[in-house]
Amino acid sequence: MCVASLFINKNEARLRKFATLPSYQNQGLGSELLQHIISDVKKRNIEKFWLDARETAVPFYRRFGLTVEGEPFLKHHLTYVKMVLRLS
């Protein structure tokens, strides 16, 4: 139903390939998975959690405390922004 890849490098964690099947969207599953990931990252004493978000998904990630950092950029003909959650 949901998938996520988390890459940890020293004191940073990067979320990639975060998606929910369309038929399961808007049911809270992605939110639950993301909250679990953030909780796990905090337990590992990671200082910075970040991801590249589609511009249309910014409000979703803001609900979890992530903020936009830097300027928008194009990737695969879609506009993305880097979003960061500083944990220390």
Protein backbone atom coordinates (compact mmCIF):
# COMPACT_ATOMS: atom_id res chain seq x y z
CA MET A 1 0.00 0.00 0.00
CA CYS A 2 2.84 2.41 0.92
CA VAL A 3 6.53 2.40 0.18
CA ALA A 4 9.47 4.47 1.40
CA SER A 5 13.23 4.32 1.11
CA LEU A 6 15.30 5.90 3.87
CA PHE A 7 19.00 6.52 3.35
CA ILE A 8 21.05 7.26 6.46
CA ASN A 9 24.49 8.79 6.13
CA LYS A 10 26.18 9.73 9.42
CA ASN A 11 23.87 12.31 11.02
CA GLU A 12 21.51 12.80 8.05
CA ALA A 13 18.55 10.80 6.81
CA ARG A 14 17.04 11.24 3.36
CA LEU A 15 13.60 9.99 2.42
CA ARG A 16 13.21 8.82 -1.17
CA LYS A 17 10.56 6.97 -3.14
CA PHE A 18 7.75 7.74 -0.70
CA ALA A 19 4.42 6.82 -2.26
CA THR A 20 0.99 5.38 -1.55
CA LEU A 21 -1.09 3.47 -4.08
CA PRO A 22 -3.83 5.77 -5.41
CA SER A 23 -6.62 3.52 -4.12
CA TYR A 24 -5.20 3.87 -0.57
CA GLN A 25 -4.51 7.60 -0.60
CA ASN A 26 -6.34 10.00 1.73
CA GLN A 27 -6.84 7.30 4.35
CA GLY A 28 -3.96 8.30 6.64
CA LEU A 29 -1.62 5.46 5.69
CA GLY A 30 1.10 7.72 4.28
CA SER A 31 0.84 9.97 7.31
CA GLU A 32 1.19 7.01 9.64
CA LEU A 33 4.23 5.70 7.77
CA LEU A 34 5.90 9.12 7.68
CA GLN A 35 5.28 9.64 11.41
CA HIS A 36 6.85 6.24 12.10
CA ILE A 37 9.89 7.14 9.98
CA ILE A 38 10.36 10.48 11.75
CA SER A 39 10.03 8.80 15.15
CA ASP A 40 12.63 6.19 14.18
CA VAL A 41 15.02 8.85 12.86
CA LYS A 42 14.74 10.77 16.14
CA LYS A 43 15.65 7.63 18.11
CA ARG A 44 18.80 7.28 16.00
CA ASN A 45 19.94 10.81 16.98
CA ILE A 46 19.84 11.99 13.38
CA GLU A 47 20.30 15.76 13.14
CA LYS A 48 18.73 16.39 9.73
CA PHE A 49 15.86 14.61 7.96
CA TRP A 50 15.22 15.75 4.40
CA LEU A 51 13.54 14.93 1.11
CA ASP A 52 12.74 16.32 -2.29
CA ALA A 53 9.00 16.98 -2.40
CA ARG A 54 6.79 17.67 -5.35
CA GLU A 55 5.63 21.24 -4.99
CA THR A 56 2.05 20.02 -4.74
CA ALA A 57 2.94 17.90 -1.68
CA VAL A 58 4.47 20.74 0.37
CA PRO A 59 1.35 21.20 2.57
CA PHE A 60 1.40 17.48 3.43
CA TYR A 61 5.04 17.57 4.62
CA ARG A 62 4.58 20.86 6.48
CA ARG A 63 2.10 19.07 8.76
CA PHE A 64 5.08 17.06 10.03
CA GLY A 65 7.28 20.07 10.69
CA LEU A 66 9.33 20.04 7.49
CA THR A 67 10.20 23.39 5.94
CA VAL A 68 11.19 24.38 2.43
CA GLU A 69 14.88 25.06 2.00
CA GLY A 70 16.26 26.59 -1.17
CA GLU A 71 14.64 27.29 -4.51
CA PRO A 72 12.25 25.08 -6.51
CA PHE A 73 13.81 22.89 -9.20
CA LEU A 74 12.64 20.71 -12.05
CA LYS A 75 13.00 16.95 -12.03
CA HIS A 76 11.31 14.80 -14.66
CA HIS A 77 9.27 17.81 -15.82
CA LEU A 78 7.81 18.37 -12.33
CA THR A 79 8.59 21.13 -9.84
CA TYR A 80 10.21 19.97 -6.60
CA VAL A 81 11.54 21.64 -3.47
CA LYS A 82 13.95 20.41 -0.82
CA MET A 83 12.23 20.06 2.54
CA VAL A 84 14.08 19.67 5.82
CA LEU A 85 13.30 18.76 9.41
CA ARG A 86 16.14 19.74 11.78
CA LEU A 87 16.16 17.43 14.77
CA SER A 88 18.92 18.96 16.88
